[in-house]
Amino acid sequence: YRPDGMVICAAGGSTAETFGHLIA
């Protein structure tokens, strides 16, 4: 949906790699 940005409260067990696609 092309948001301008996101606020995230991560699920348990999330790692830095979990959000790599958003950062990329």
PDBML (XML) file of the C-alpha atoms, coordinates in Angstrom:
<?xml version="1.0" encoding="UTF-8" ?>
<PDBx:datablock datablockName="MODEL"
   xmlns:PDBx="http://pdbml.pdb.org/schema/pdbx-v50.xsd"
   xmlns:xsi="http://www.w3.org/2001/XMLSchema-instance"
   xsi:schemaLocation="http://pdbml.pdb.org/schema/pdbx-v50.xsd pdbx-v50.xsd">
   <PDBx:atom_siteCategory>
      <PDBx:atom_site id="1">
         <PDBx:B_iso_or_equiv>0.00</PDBx:B_iso_or_equiv>
         <PDBx:Cartn_x>0.000</PDBx:Cartn_x>
         <PDBx:Cartn_y>0.000</PDBx:Cartn_y>
         <PDBx:Cartn_z>0.000</PDBx:Cartn_z>
         <PDBx:auth_asym_id>A</PDBx:auth_asym_id>
         <PDBx:auth_atom_id>CA</PDBx:auth_atom_id>
         <PDBx:auth_comp_id>TYR</PDBx:auth_comp_id>
         <PDBx:auth_seq_id>1</PDBx:auth_seq_id>
         <PDBx:group_PDB>ATOM</PDBx:group_PDB>
         <PDBx:label_alt_id xsi:nil="true" />
         <PDBx:label_asym_id>A</PDBx:label_asym_id>
         <PDBx:label_atom_id>CA</PDBx:label_atom_id>
         <PDBx:label_comp_id>TYR</PDBx:label_comp_id>
         <PDBx:label_entity_id>1</PDBx:label_entity_id>
         <PDBx:label_seq_id>1</PDBx:label_seq_id>
         <PDBx:occupancy>1.00</PDBx:occupancy>
         <PDBx:pdbx_PDB_model_num>1</PDBx:pdbx_PDB_model_num>
         <PDBx:type_symbol>C</PDBx:type_symbol>
      </PDBx:atom_site>
      <PDBx:atom_site id="2">
         <PDBx:B_iso_or_equiv>0.00</PDBx:B_iso_or_equiv>
         <PDBx:Cartn_x>3.101</PDBx:Cartn_x>
         <PDBx:Cartn_y>2.227</PDBx:Cartn_y>
         <PDBx:Cartn_z>-0.173</PDBx:Cartn_z>
         <PDBx:auth_asym_id>A</PDBx:auth_asym_id>
         <PDBx:auth_atom_id>CA</PDBx:auth_atom_id>
         <PDBx:auth_comp_id>ARG</PDBx:auth_comp_id>
         <PDBx:auth_seq_id>2</PDBx:auth_seq_id>
         <PDBx:group_PDB>ATOM</PDBx:group_PDB>
         <PDBx:label_alt_id xsi:nil="true" />
         <PDBx:label_asym_id>A</PDBx:label_asym_id>
         <PDBx:label_atom_id>CA</PDBx:label_atom_id>
         <PDBx:label_comp_id>ARG</PDBx:label_comp_id>
         <PDBx:label_entity_id>1</PDBx:label_entity_id>
         <PDBx:label_seq_id>2</PDBx:label_seq_id>
         <PDBx:occupancy>1.00</PDBx:occupancy>
         <PDBx:pdbx_PDB_model_num>1</PDBx:pdbx_PDB_model_num>
         <PDBx:type_symbol>C</PDBx:type_symbol>
      </PDBx:atom_site>
      <PDBx:atom_site id="3">
         <PDBx:B_iso_or_equiv>0.00</PDBx:B_iso_or_equiv>
         <PDBx:Cartn_x>2.871</PDBx:Cartn_x>
         <PDBx:Cartn_y>3.782</PDBx:Cartn_y>
         <PDBx:Cartn_z>3.300</PDBx:Cartn_z>
         <PDBx:auth_asym_id>A</PDBx:auth_asym_id>
         <PDBx:auth_atom_id>CA</PDBx:auth_atom_id>
         <PDBx:auth_comp_id>PRO</PDBx:auth_comp_id>
         <PDBx:auth_seq_id>3</PDBx:auth_seq_id>
         <PDBx:group_PDB>ATOM</PDBx:group_PDB>
         <PDBx:label_alt_id xsi:nil="true" />
         <PDBx:label_asym_id>A</PDBx:label_asym_id>
         <PDBx:label_atom_id>CA</PDBx:label_atom_id>
         <PDBx:label_comp_id>PRO</PDBx:label_comp_id>
         <PDBx:label_entity_id>1</PDBx:label_entity_id>
         <PDBx:label_seq_id>3</PDBx:label_seq_id>
         <PDBx:occupancy>1.00</PDBx:occupancy>
         <PDBx:pdbx_PDB_model_num>1</PDBx:pdbx_PDB_model_num>
         <PDBx:type_symbol>C</PDBx:type_symbol>
      </PDBx:atom_site>
      <PDBx:atom_site id="4">
         <PDBx:B_iso_or_equiv>0.00</PDBx:B_iso_or_equiv>
         <PDBx:Cartn_x>5.199</PDBx:Cartn_x>
         <PDBx:Cartn_y>6.697</PDBx:Cartn_y>
         <PDBx:Cartn_z>3.904</PDBx:Cartn_z>
         <PDBx:auth_asym_id>A</PDBx:auth_asym_id>
         <PDBx:auth_atom_id>CA</PDBx:auth_atom_id>
         <PDBx:auth_comp_id>ASP</PDBx:auth_comp_id>
         <PDBx:auth_seq_id>4</PDBx:auth_seq_id>
         <PDBx:group_PDB>ATOM</PDBx:group_PDB>
         <PDBx:label_alt_id xsi:nil="true" />
         <PDBx:label_asym_id>A</PDBx:label_asym_id>
         <PDBx:label_atom_id>CA</PDBx:label_atom_id>
         <PDBx:label_comp_id>ASP</PDBx:label_comp_id>
         <PDBx:label_entity_id>1</PDBx:label_entity_id>
         <PDBx:label_seq_id>4</PDBx:label_seq_id>
         <PDBx:occupancy>1.00</PDBx:occupancy>
         <PDBx:pdbx_PDB_model_num>1</PDBx:pdbx_PDB_model_num>
         <PDBx:type_symbol>C</PDBx:type_symbol>
      </PDBx:atom_site>
      <PDBx:atom_site id="5">
         <PDBx:B_iso_or_equiv>0.00</PDBx:B_iso_or_equiv>
         <PDBx:Cartn_x>6.543</PDBx:Cartn_x>
         <PDBx:Cartn_y>4.783</PDBx:Cartn_y>
         <PDBx:Cartn_z>6.926</PDBx:Cartn_z>
         <PDBx:auth_asym_id>A</PDBx:auth_asym_id>
         <PDBx:auth_atom_id>CA</PDBx:auth_atom_id>
         <PDBx:auth_comp_id>GLY</PDBx:auth_comp_id>
         <PDBx:auth_seq_id>5</PDBx:auth_seq_id>
         <PDBx:group_PDB>ATOM</PDBx:group_PDB>
         <PDBx:label_alt_id xsi:nil="true" />
         <PDBx:label_asym_id>A</PDBx:label_asym_id>
         <PDBx:label_atom_id>CA</PDBx:label_atom_id>
         <PDBx:label_comp_id>GLY</PDBx:label_comp_id>
         <PDBx:label_entity_id>1</PDBx:label_entity_id>
         <PDBx:label_seq_id>5</PDBx:label_seq_id>
         <PDBx:occupancy>1.00</PDBx:occupancy>
         <PDBx:pdbx_PDB_model_num>1</PDBx:pdbx_PDB_model_num>
         <PDBx:type_symbol>C</PDBx:type_symbol>
      </PDBx:atom_site>
      <PDBx:atom_site id="6">
         <PDBx:B_iso_or_equiv>0.00</PDBx:B_iso_or_equiv>
         <PDBx:Cartn_x>5.641</PDBx:Cartn_x>
         <PDBx:Cartn_y>2.196</PDBx:Cartn_y>
         <PDBx:Cartn_z>9.571</PDBx:Cartn_z>
         <PDBx:auth_asym_id>A</PDBx:auth_asym_id>
         <PDBx:auth_atom_id>CA</PDBx:auth_atom_id>
         <PDBx:auth_comp_id>MET</PDBx:auth_comp_id>
         <PDBx:auth_seq_id>6</PDBx:auth_seq_id>
         <PDBx:group_PDB>ATOM</PDBx:group_PDB>
         <PDBx:label_alt_id xsi:nil="true" />
         <PDBx:label_asym_id>A</PDBx:label_asym_id>
         <PDBx:label_atom_id>CA</PDBx:label_atom_id>
         <PDBx:label_comp_id>MET</PDBx:label_comp_id>
         <PDBx:label_entity_id>1</PDBx:label_entity_id>
         <PDBx:label_seq_id>6</PDBx:label_seq_id>
         <PDBx:occupancy>1.00</PDBx:occupancy>
         <PDBx:pdbx_PDB_model_num>1</PDBx:pdbx_PDB_model_num>
         <PDBx:type_symbol>C</PDBx:type_symbol>
      </PDBx:atom_site>
      <PDBx:atom_site id="7">
         <PDBx:B_iso_or_equiv>0.00</PDBx:B_iso_or_equiv>
         <PDBx:Cartn_x>5.401</PDBx:Cartn_x>
         <PDBx:Cartn_y>1.900</PDBx:Cartn_y>
         <PDBx:Cartn_z>13.345</PDBx:Cartn_z>
         <PDBx:auth_asym_id>A</PDBx:auth_asym_id>
         <PDBx:auth_atom_id>CA</PDBx:auth_atom_id>
         <PDBx:auth_comp_id>VAL</PDBx:auth_comp_id>
         <PDBx:auth_seq_id>7</PDBx:auth_seq_id>
         <PDBx:group_PDB>ATOM</PDBx:group_PDB>
         <PDBx:label_alt_id xsi:nil="true" />
         <PDBx:label_asym_id>A</PDBx:label_asym_id>
         <PDBx:label_atom_id>CA</PDBx:label_atom_id>
         <PDBx:label_comp_id>VAL</PDBx:label_comp_id>
         <PDBx:label_entity_id>1</PDBx:label_entity_id>
         <PDBx:label_seq_id>7</PDBx:label_seq_id>
         <PDBx:occupancy>1.00</PDBx:occupancy>
         <PDBx:pdbx_PDB_model_num>1</PDBx:pdbx_PDB_model_num>
         <PDBx:type_symbol>C</PDBx:type_symbol>
      </PDBx:atom_site>
      <PDBx:atom_site id="8">
         <PDBx:B_iso_or_equiv>0.00</PDBx:B_iso_or_equiv>
         <PDBx:Cartn_x>6.099</PDBx:Cartn_x>
         <PDBx:Cartn_y>-1.704</PDBx:Cartn_y>
         <PDBx:Cartn_z>14.322</PDBx:Cartn_z>
         <PDBx:auth_asym_id>A</PDBx:auth_asym_id>
         <PDBx:auth_atom_id>CA</PDBx:auth_atom_id>
         <PDBx:auth_comp_id>ILE</PDBx:auth_comp_id>
         <PDBx:auth_seq_id>8</PDBx:auth_seq_id>
         <PDBx:group_PDB>ATOM</PDBx:group_PDB>
         <PDBx:label_alt_id xsi:nil="true" />
         <PDBx:label_asym_id>A</PDBx:label_asym_id>
         <PDBx:label_atom_id>CA</PDBx:label_atom_id>
         <PDBx:label_comp_id>ILE</PDBx:label_comp_id>
         <PDBx:label_entity_id>1</PDBx:label_entity_id>
         <PDBx:label_seq_id>8</PDBx:label_seq_id>
         <PDBx:occupancy>1.00</PDBx:occupancy>
         <PDBx:pdbx_PDB_model_num>1</PDBx:pdbx_PDB_model_num>
         <PDBx:type_symbol>C</PDBx:type_symbol>
      </PDBx:atom_site>
      <PDBx:atom_site id="9">
         <PDBx:B_iso_or_equiv>0.00</PDBx:B_iso_or_equiv>
         <PDBx:Cartn_x>5.728</PDBx:Cartn_x>
         <PDBx:Cartn_y>-3.724</PDBx:Cartn_y>
         <PDBx:Cartn_z>17.507</PDBx:Cartn_z>
         <PDBx:auth_asym_id>A</PDBx:auth_asym_id>
         <PDBx:auth_atom_id>CA</PDBx:auth_atom_id>
         <PDBx:auth_comp_id>CYS</PDBx:auth_comp_id>
         <PDBx:auth_seq_id>9</PDBx:auth_seq_id>
         <PDBx:group_PDB>ATOM</PDBx:group_PDB>
         <PDBx:label_alt_id xsi:nil="true" />
         <PDBx:label_asym_id>A</PDBx:label_asym_id>
         <PDBx:label_atom_id>CA</PDBx:label_atom_id>
         <PDBx:label_comp_id>CYS</PDBx:label_comp_id>
         <PDBx:label_entity_id>1</PDBx:label_entity_id>
         <PDBx:label_seq_id>9</PDBx:label_seq_id>
         <PDBx:occupancy>1.00</PDBx:occupancy>
         <PDBx:pdbx_PDB_model_num>1</PDBx:pdbx_PDB_model_num>
         <PDBx:type_symbol>C</PDBx:type_symbol>
      </PDBx:atom_site>
      <PDBx:atom_site id="10">
         <PDBx:B_iso_or_equiv>0.00</PDBx:B_iso_or_equiv>
         <PDBx:Cartn_x>7.427</PDBx:Cartn_x>
         <PDBx:Cartn_y>-6.957</PDBx:Cartn_y>
         <PDBx:Cartn_z>16.531</PDBx:Cartn_z>
         <PDBx:auth_asym_id>A</PDBx:auth_asym_id>
         <PDBx:auth_atom_id>CA</PDBx:auth_atom_id>
         <PDBx:auth_comp_id>ALA</PDBx:auth_comp_id>
         <PDBx:auth_seq_id>10</PDBx:auth_seq_id>
         <PDBx:group_PDB>ATOM</PDBx:group_PDB>
         <PDBx:label_alt_id xsi:nil="true" />
         <PDBx:label_asym_id>A</PDBx:label_asym_id>
         <PDBx:label_atom_id>CA</PDBx:label_atom_id>
         <PDBx:label_comp_id>ALA</PDBx:label_comp_id>
         <PDBx:label_entity_id>1</PDBx:label_entity_id>
         <PDBx:label_seq_id>10</PDBx:label_seq_id>
         <PDBx:occupancy>1.00</PDBx:occupancy>
         <PDBx:pdbx_PDB_model_num>1</PDBx:pdbx_PDB_model_num>
         <PDBx:type_symbol>C</PDBx:type_symbol>
      </PDBx:atom_site>
      <PDBx:atom_site id="11">
         <PDBx:B_iso_or_equiv>0.00</PDBx:B_iso_or_equiv>
         <PDBx:Cartn_x>6.248</PDBx:Cartn_x>
         <PDBx:Cartn_y>-10.500</PDBx:Cartn_y>
         <PDBx:Cartn_z>17.147</PDBx:Cartn_z>
         <PDBx:auth_asym_id>A</PDBx:auth_asym_id>
         <PDBx:auth_atom_id>CA</PDBx:auth_atom_id>
         <PDBx:auth_comp_id>ALA</PDBx:auth_comp_id>
         <PDBx:auth_seq_id>11</PDBx:auth_seq_id>
         <PDBx:group_PDB>ATOM</PDBx:group_PDB>
         <PDBx:label_alt_id xsi:nil="true" />
         <PDBx:label_asym_id>A</PDBx:label_asym_id>
         <PDBx:label_atom_id>CA</PDBx:label_atom_id>
         <PDBx:label_comp_id>ALA</PDBx:label_comp_id>
         <PDBx:label_entity_id>1</PDBx:label_entity_id>
         <PDBx:label_seq_id>11</PDBx:label_seq_id>
         <PDBx:occupancy>1.00</PDBx:occupancy>
         <PDBx:pdbx_PDB_model_num>1</PDBx:pdbx_PDB_model_num>
         <PDBx:type_symbol>C</PDBx:type_symbol>
      </PDBx:atom_site>
      <PDBx:atom_site id="12">
         <PDBx:B_iso_or_equiv>0.00</PDBx:B_iso_or_equiv>
         <PDBx:Cartn_x>8.259</PDBx:Cartn_x>
         <PDBx:Cartn_y>-12.529</PDBx:Cartn_y>
         <PDBx:Cartn_z>19.639</PDBx:Cartn_z>
         <PDBx:auth_asym_id>A</PDBx:auth_asym_id>
         <PDBx:auth_atom_id>CA</PDBx:auth_atom_id>
         <PDBx:auth_comp_id>GLY</PDBx:auth_comp_id>
         <PDBx:auth_seq_id>12</PDBx:auth_seq_id>
         <PDBx:group_PDB>ATOM</PDBx:group_PDB>
         <PDBx:label_alt_id xsi:nil="true" />
         <PDBx:label_asym_id>A</PDBx:label_asym_id>
         <PDBx:label_atom_id>CA</PDBx:label_atom_id>
         <PDBx:label_comp_id>GLY</PDBx:label_comp_id>
         <PDBx:label_entity_id>1</PDBx:label_entity_id>
         <PDBx:label_seq_id>12</PDBx:label_seq_id>
         <PDBx:occupancy>1.00</PDBx:occupancy>
         <PDBx:pdbx_PDB_model_num>1</PDBx:pdbx_PDB_model_num>
         <PDBx:type_symbol>C</PDBx:type_symbol>
      </PDBx:atom_site>
      <PDBx:atom_site id="13">
         <PDBx:B_iso_or_equiv>0.00</PDBx:B_iso_or_equiv>
         <PDBx:Cartn_x>11.388</PDBx:Cartn_x>
         <PDBx:Cartn_y>-14.073</PDBx:Cartn_y>
         <PDBx:Cartn_z>18.134</PDBx:Cartn_z>
         <PDBx:auth_asym_id>A</PDBx:auth_asym_id>
         <PDBx:auth_atom_id>CA</PDBx:auth_atom_id>
         <PDBx:auth_comp_id>GLY</PDBx:auth_comp_id>
         <PDBx:auth_seq_id>13</PDBx:auth_seq_id>
         <PDBx:group_PDB>ATOM</PDBx:group_PDB>
         <PDBx:label_alt_id xsi:nil="true" />
         <PDBx:label_asym_id>A</PDBx:label_asym_id>
         <PDBx:label_atom_id>CA</PDBx:label_atom_id>
         <PDBx:label_comp_id>GLY</PDBx:label_comp_id>
         <PDBx:label_entity_id>1</PDBx:label_entity_id>
         <PDBx:label_seq_id>13</PDBx:label_seq_id>
         <PDBx:occupancy>1.00</PDBx:occupancy>
         <PDBx:pdbx_PDB_model_num>1</PDBx:pdbx_PDB_model_num>
         <PDBx:type_symbol>C</PDBx:type_symbol>
      </PDBx:atom_site>
      <PDBx:atom_site id="14">
         <PDBx:B_iso_or_equiv>0.00</PDBx:B_iso_or_equiv>
         <PDBx:Cartn_x>11.827</PDBx:Cartn_x>
         <PDBx:Cartn_y>-11.388</PDBx:Cartn_y>
         <PDBx:Cartn_z>15.459</PDBx:Cartn_z>
         <PDBx:auth_asym_id>A</PDBx:auth_asym_id>
         <PDBx:auth_atom_id>CA</PDBx:auth_atom_id>
         <PDBx:auth_comp_id>SER</PDBx:auth_comp_id>
         <PDBx:auth_seq_id>14</PDBx:auth_seq_id>
         <PDBx:group_PDB>ATOM</PDBx:group_PDB>
         <PDBx:label_alt_id xsi:nil="true" />
         <PDBx:label_asym_id>A</PDBx:label_asym_id>
         <PDBx:label_atom_id>CA</PDBx:label_atom_id>
         <PDBx:label_comp_id>SER</PDBx:label_comp_id>
         <PDBx:label_entity_id>1</PDBx:label_entity_id>
         <PDBx:label_seq_id>14</PDBx:label_seq_id>
         <PDBx:occupancy>1.00</PDBx:occupancy>
         <PDBx:pdbx_PDB_model_num>1</PDBx:pdbx_PDB_model_num>
         <PDBx:type_symbol>C</PDBx:type_symbol>
      </PDBx:atom_site>
      <PDBx:atom_site id="15">
         <PDBx:B_iso_or_equiv>0.00</PDBx:B_iso_or_equiv>
         <PDBx:Cartn_x>15.413</PDBx:Cartn_x>
         <PDBx:Cartn_y>-10.633</PDBx:Cartn_y>
         <PDBx:Cartn_z>14.396</PDBx:Cartn_z>
         <PDBx:auth_asym_id>A</PDBx:auth_asym_id>
         <PDBx:auth_atom_id>CA</PDBx:auth_atom_id>
         <PDBx:auth_comp_id>THR</PDBx:auth_comp_id>
         <PDBx:auth_seq_id>15</PDBx:auth_seq_id>
         <PDBx:group_PDB>ATOM</PDBx:group_PDB>
         <PDBx:label_alt_id xsi:nil="true" />
         <PDBx:label_asym_id>A</PDBx:label_asym_id>
         <PDBx:label_atom_id>CA</PDBx:label_atom_id>
         <PDBx:label_comp_id>THR</PDBx:label_comp_id>
         <PDBx:label_entity_id>1</PDBx:label_entity_id>
         <PDBx:label_seq_id>15</PDBx:label_seq_id>
         <PDBx:occupancy>1.00</PDBx:occupancy>
         <PDBx:pdbx_PDB_model_num>1</PDBx:pdbx_PDB_model_num>
         <PDBx:type_symbol>C</PDBx:type_symbol>
      </PDBx:atom_site>
      <PDBx:atom_site id="16">
         <PDBx:B_iso_or_equiv>0.00</PDBx:B_iso_or_equiv>
         <PDBx:Cartn_x>17.107</PDBx:Cartn_x>
         <PDBx:Cartn_y>-7.891</PDBx:Cartn_y>
         <PDBx:Cartn_z>12.414</PDBx:Cartn_z>
         <PDBx:auth_asym_id>A</PDBx:auth_asym_id>
         <PDBx:auth_atom_id>CA</PDBx:auth_atom_id>
         <PDBx:auth_comp_id>ALA</PDBx:auth_comp_id>
         <PDBx:auth_seq_id>16</PDBx:auth_seq_id>
         <PDBx:group_PDB>ATOM</PDBx:group_PDB>
         <PDBx:label_alt_id xsi:nil="true" />
         <PDBx:label_asym_id>A</PDBx:label_asym_id>
         <PDBx:label_atom_id>CA</PDBx:label_atom_id>
         <PDBx:label_comp_id>ALA</PDBx:label_comp_id>
         <PDBx:label_entity_id>1</PDBx:label_entity_id>
         <PDBx:label_seq_id>16</PDBx:label_seq_id>
         <PDBx:occupancy>1.00</PDBx:occupancy>
         <PDBx:pdbx_PDB_model_num>1</PDBx:pdbx_PDB_model_num>
         <PDBx:type_symbol>C</PDBx:type_symbol>
      </PDBx:atom_site>
      <PDBx:atom_site id="17">
         <PDBx:B_iso_or_equiv>0.00</PDBx:B_iso_or_equiv>
         <PDBx:Cartn_x>16.710</PDBx:Cartn_x>
         <PDBx:Cartn_y>-10.039</PDBx:Cartn_y>
         <PDBx:Cartn_z>9.290</PDBx:Cartn_z>
         <PDBx:auth_asym_id>A</PDBx:auth_asym_id>
         <PDBx:auth_atom_id>CA</PDBx:auth_atom_id>
         <PDBx:auth_comp_id>GLU</PDBx:auth_comp_id>
         <PDBx:auth_seq_id>17</PDBx:auth_seq_id>
         <PDBx:group_PDB>ATOM</PDBx:group_PDB>
         <PDBx:label_alt_id xsi:nil="true" />
         <PDBx:label_asym_id>A</PDBx:label_asym_id>
         <PDBx:label_atom_id>CA</PDBx:label_atom_id>
         <PDBx:label_comp_id>GLU</PDBx:label_comp_id>
         <PDBx:label_entity_id>1</PDBx:label_entity_id>
         <PDBx:label_seq_id>17</PDBx:label_seq_id>
         <PDBx:occupancy>1.00</PDBx:occupancy>
         <PDBx:pdbx_PDB_model_num>1</PDBx:pdbx_PDB_model_num>
         <PDBx:type_symbol>C</PDBx:type_symbol>
      </PDBx:atom_site>
      <PDBx:atom_site id="18">
         <PDBx:B_iso_or_equiv>0.00</PDBx:B_iso_or_equiv>
         <PDBx:Cartn_x>12.932</PDBx:Cartn_x>
         <PDBx:Cartn_y>-10.084</PDBx:Cartn_y>
         <PDBx:Cartn_z>9.816</PDBx:Cartn_z>
         <PDBx:auth_asym_id>A</PDBx:auth_asym_id>
         <PDBx:auth_atom_id>CA</PDBx:auth_atom_id>
         <PDBx:auth_comp_id>THR</PDBx:auth_comp_id>
         <PDBx:auth_seq_id>18</PDBx:auth_seq_id>
         <PDBx:group_PDB>ATOM</PDBx:group_PDB>
         <PDBx:label_alt_id xsi:nil="true" />
         <PDBx:label_asym_id>A</PDBx:label_asym_id>
         <PDBx:label_atom_id>CA</PDBx:label_atom_id>
         <PDBx:label_comp_id>THR</PDBx:label_comp_id>
         <PDBx:label_entity_id>1</PDBx:label_entity_id>
         <PDBx:label_seq_id>18</PDBx:label_seq_id>
         <PDBx:occupancy>1.00</PDBx:occupancy>
         <PDBx:pdbx_PDB_model_num>1</PDBx:pdbx_PDB_model_num>
         <PDBx:type_symbol>C</PDBx:type_symbol>
      </PDBx:atom_site>
      <PDBx:atom_site id="19">
         <PDBx:B_iso_or_equiv>0.00</PDBx:B_iso_or_equiv>
         <PDBx:Cartn_x>12.695</PDBx:Cartn_x>
         <PDBx:Cartn_y>-6.457</PDBx:Cartn_y>
         <PDBx:Cartn_z>8.708</PDBx:Cartn_z>
         <PDBx:auth_asym_id>A</PDBx:auth_asym_id>
         <PDBx:auth_atom_id>CA</PDBx:auth_atom_id>
         <PDBx:auth_comp_id>PHE</PDBx:auth_comp_id>
         <PDBx:auth_seq_id>19</PDBx:auth_seq_id>
         <PDBx:group_PDB>ATOM</PDBx:group_PDB>
         <PDBx:label_alt_id xsi:nil="true" />
         <PDBx:label_asym_id>A</PDBx:label_asym_id>
         <PDBx:label_atom_id>CA</PDBx:label_atom_id>
         <PDBx:label_comp_id>PHE</PDBx:label_comp_id>
         <PDBx:label_entity_id>1</PDBx:label_entity_id>
         <PDBx:label_seq_id>19</PDBx:label_seq_id>
         <PDBx:occupancy>1.00</PDBx:occupancy>
         <PDBx:pdbx_PDB_model_num>1</PDBx:pdbx_PDB_model_num>
         <PDBx:type_symbol>C</PDBx:type_symbol>
      </PDBx:atom_site>
      <PDBx:atom_site id="20">
         <PDBx:B_iso_or_equiv>0.00</PDBx:B_iso_or_equiv>
         <PDBx:Cartn_x>15.436</PDBx:Cartn_x>
         <PDBx:Cartn_y>-6.550</PDBx:Cartn_y>
         <PDBx:Cartn_z>6.076</PDBx:Cartn_z>
         <PDBx:auth_asym_id>A</PDBx:auth_asym_id>
         <PDBx:auth_atom_id>CA</PDBx:auth_atom_id>
         <PDBx:auth_comp_id>GLY</PDBx:auth_comp_id>
         <PDBx:auth_seq_id>20</PDBx:auth_seq_id>
         <PDBx:group_PDB>ATOM</PDBx:group_PDB>
         <PDBx:label_alt_id xsi:nil="true" />
         <PDBx:label_asym_id>A</PDBx:label_asym_id>
         <PDBx:label_atom_id>CA</PDBx:label_atom_id>
         <PDBx:label_comp_id>GLY</PDBx:label_comp_id>
         <PDBx:label_entity_id>1</PDBx:label_entity_id>
         <PDBx:label_seq_id>20</PDBx:label_seq_id>
         <PDBx:occupancy>1.00</PDBx:occupancy>
         <PDBx:pdbx_PDB_model_num>1</PDBx:pdbx_PDB_model_num>
         <PDBx:type_symbol>C</PDBx:type_symbol>
      </PDBx:atom_site>
      <PDBx:atom_site id="21">
         <PDBx:B_iso_or_equiv>0.00</PDBx:B_iso_or_equiv>
         <PDBx:Cartn_x>12.956</PDBx:Cartn_x>
         <PDBx:Cartn_y>-6.372</PDBx:Cartn_y>
         <PDBx:Cartn_z>3.181</PDBx:Cartn_z>
         <PDBx:auth_asym_id>A</PDBx:auth_asym_id>
         <PDBx:auth_atom_id>CA</PDBx:auth_atom_id>
         <PDBx:auth_comp_id>HIS</PDBx:auth_comp_id>
         <PDBx:auth_seq_id>21</PDBx:auth_seq_id>
         <PDBx:group_PDB>ATOM</PDBx:group_PDB>
         <PDBx:label_alt_id xsi:nil="true" />
         <PDBx:label_asym_id>A</PDBx:label_asym_id>
         <PDBx:label_atom_id>CA</PDBx:label_atom_id>
         <PDBx:label_comp_id>HIS</PDBx:label_comp_id>
         <PDBx:label_entity_id>1</PDBx:label_entity_id>
         <PDBx:label_seq_id>21</PDBx:label_seq_id>
         <PDBx:occupancy>1.00</PDBx:occupancy>
         <PDBx:pdbx_PDB_model_num>1</PDBx:pdbx_PDB_model_num>
         <PDBx:type_symbol>C</PDBx:type_symbol>
      </PDBx:atom_site>
      <PDBx:atom_site id="22">
         <PDBx:B_iso_or_equiv>0.00</PDBx:B_iso_or_equiv>
         <PDBx:Cartn_x>11.390</PDBx:Cartn_x>
         <PDBx:Cartn_y>-3.185</PDBx:Cartn_y>
         <PDBx:Cartn_z>4.585</PDBx:Cartn_z>
         <PDBx:auth_asym_id>A</PDBx:auth_asym_id>
         <PDBx:auth_atom_id>CA</PDBx:auth_atom_id>
         <PDBx:auth_comp_id>LEU</PDBx:auth_comp_id>
         <PDBx:auth_seq_id>22</PDBx:auth_seq_id>
         <PDBx:group_PDB>ATOM</PDBx:group_PDB>
         <PDBx:label_alt_id xsi:nil="true" />
         <PDBx:label_asym_id>A</PDBx:label_asym_id>
         <PDBx:label_atom_id>CA</PDBx:label_atom_id>
         <PDBx:label_comp_id>LEU</PDBx:label_comp_id>
         <PDBx:label_entity_id>1</PDBx:label_entity_id>
         <PDBx:label_seq_id>22</PDBx:label_seq_id>
         <PDBx:occupancy>1.00</PDBx:occupancy>
         <PDBx:pdbx_PDB_model_num>1</PDBx:pdbx_PDB_model_num>
         <PDBx:type_symbol>C</PDBx:type_symbol>
      </PDBx:atom_site>
      <PDBx:atom_site id="23">
         <PDBx:B_iso_or_equiv>0.00</PDBx:B_iso_or_equiv>
         <PDBx:Cartn_x>14.766</PDBx:Cartn_x>
         <PDBx:Cartn_y>-1.553</PDBx:Cartn_y>
         <PDBx:Cartn_z>5.185</PDBx:Cartn_z>
         <PDBx:auth_asym_id>A</PDBx:auth_asym_id>
         <PDBx:auth_atom_id>CA</PDBx:auth_atom_id>
         <PDBx:auth_comp_id>ILE</PDBx:auth_comp_id>
         <PDBx:auth_seq_id>23</PDBx:auth_seq_id>
         <PDBx:group_PDB>ATOM</PDBx:group_PDB>
         <PDBx:label_alt_id xsi:nil="true" />
         <PDBx:label_asym_id>A</PDBx:label_asym_id>
         <PDBx:label_atom_id>CA</PDBx:label_atom_id>
         <PDBx:label_comp_id>ILE</PDBx:label_comp_id>
         <PDBx:label_entity_id>1</PDBx:label_entity_id>
         <PDBx:label_seq_id>23</PDBx:label_seq_id>
         <PDBx:occupancy>1.00</PDBx:occupancy>
         <PDBx:pdbx_PDB_model_num>1</PDBx:pdbx_PDB_model_num>
         <PDBx:type_symbol>C</PDBx:type_symbol>
      </PDBx:atom_site>
      <PDBx:atom_site id="24">
         <PDBx:B_iso_or_equiv>0.00</PDBx:B_iso_or_equiv>
         <PDBx:Cartn_x>15.932</PDBx:Cartn_x>
         <PDBx:Cartn_y>-2.551</PDBx:Cartn_y>
         <PDBx:Cartn_z>1.697</PDBx:Cartn_z>
         <PDBx:auth_asym_id>A</PDBx:auth_asym_id>
         <PDBx:auth_atom_id>CA</PDBx:auth_atom_id>
         <PDBx:auth_comp_id>ALA</PDBx:auth_comp_id>
         <PDBx:auth_seq_id>24</PDBx:auth_seq_id>
         <PDBx:group_PDB>ATOM</PDBx:group_PDB>
         <PDBx:label_alt_id xsi:nil="true" />
         <PDBx:label_asym_id>A</PDBx:label_asym_id>
         <PDBx:label_atom_id>CA</PDBx:label_atom_id>
         <PDBx:label_comp_id>ALA</PDBx:label_comp_id>
         <PDBx:label_entity_id>1</PDBx:label_entity_id>
         <PDBx:label_seq_id>24</PDBx:label_seq_id>
         <PDBx:occupancy>1.00</PDBx:occupancy>
         <PDBx:pdbx_PDB_model_num>1</PDBx:pdbx_PDB_model_num>
         <PDBx:type_symbol>C</PDBx:type_symbol>
      </PDBx:atom_site>
   </PDBx:atom_siteCategory>
</PDBx:datablock>
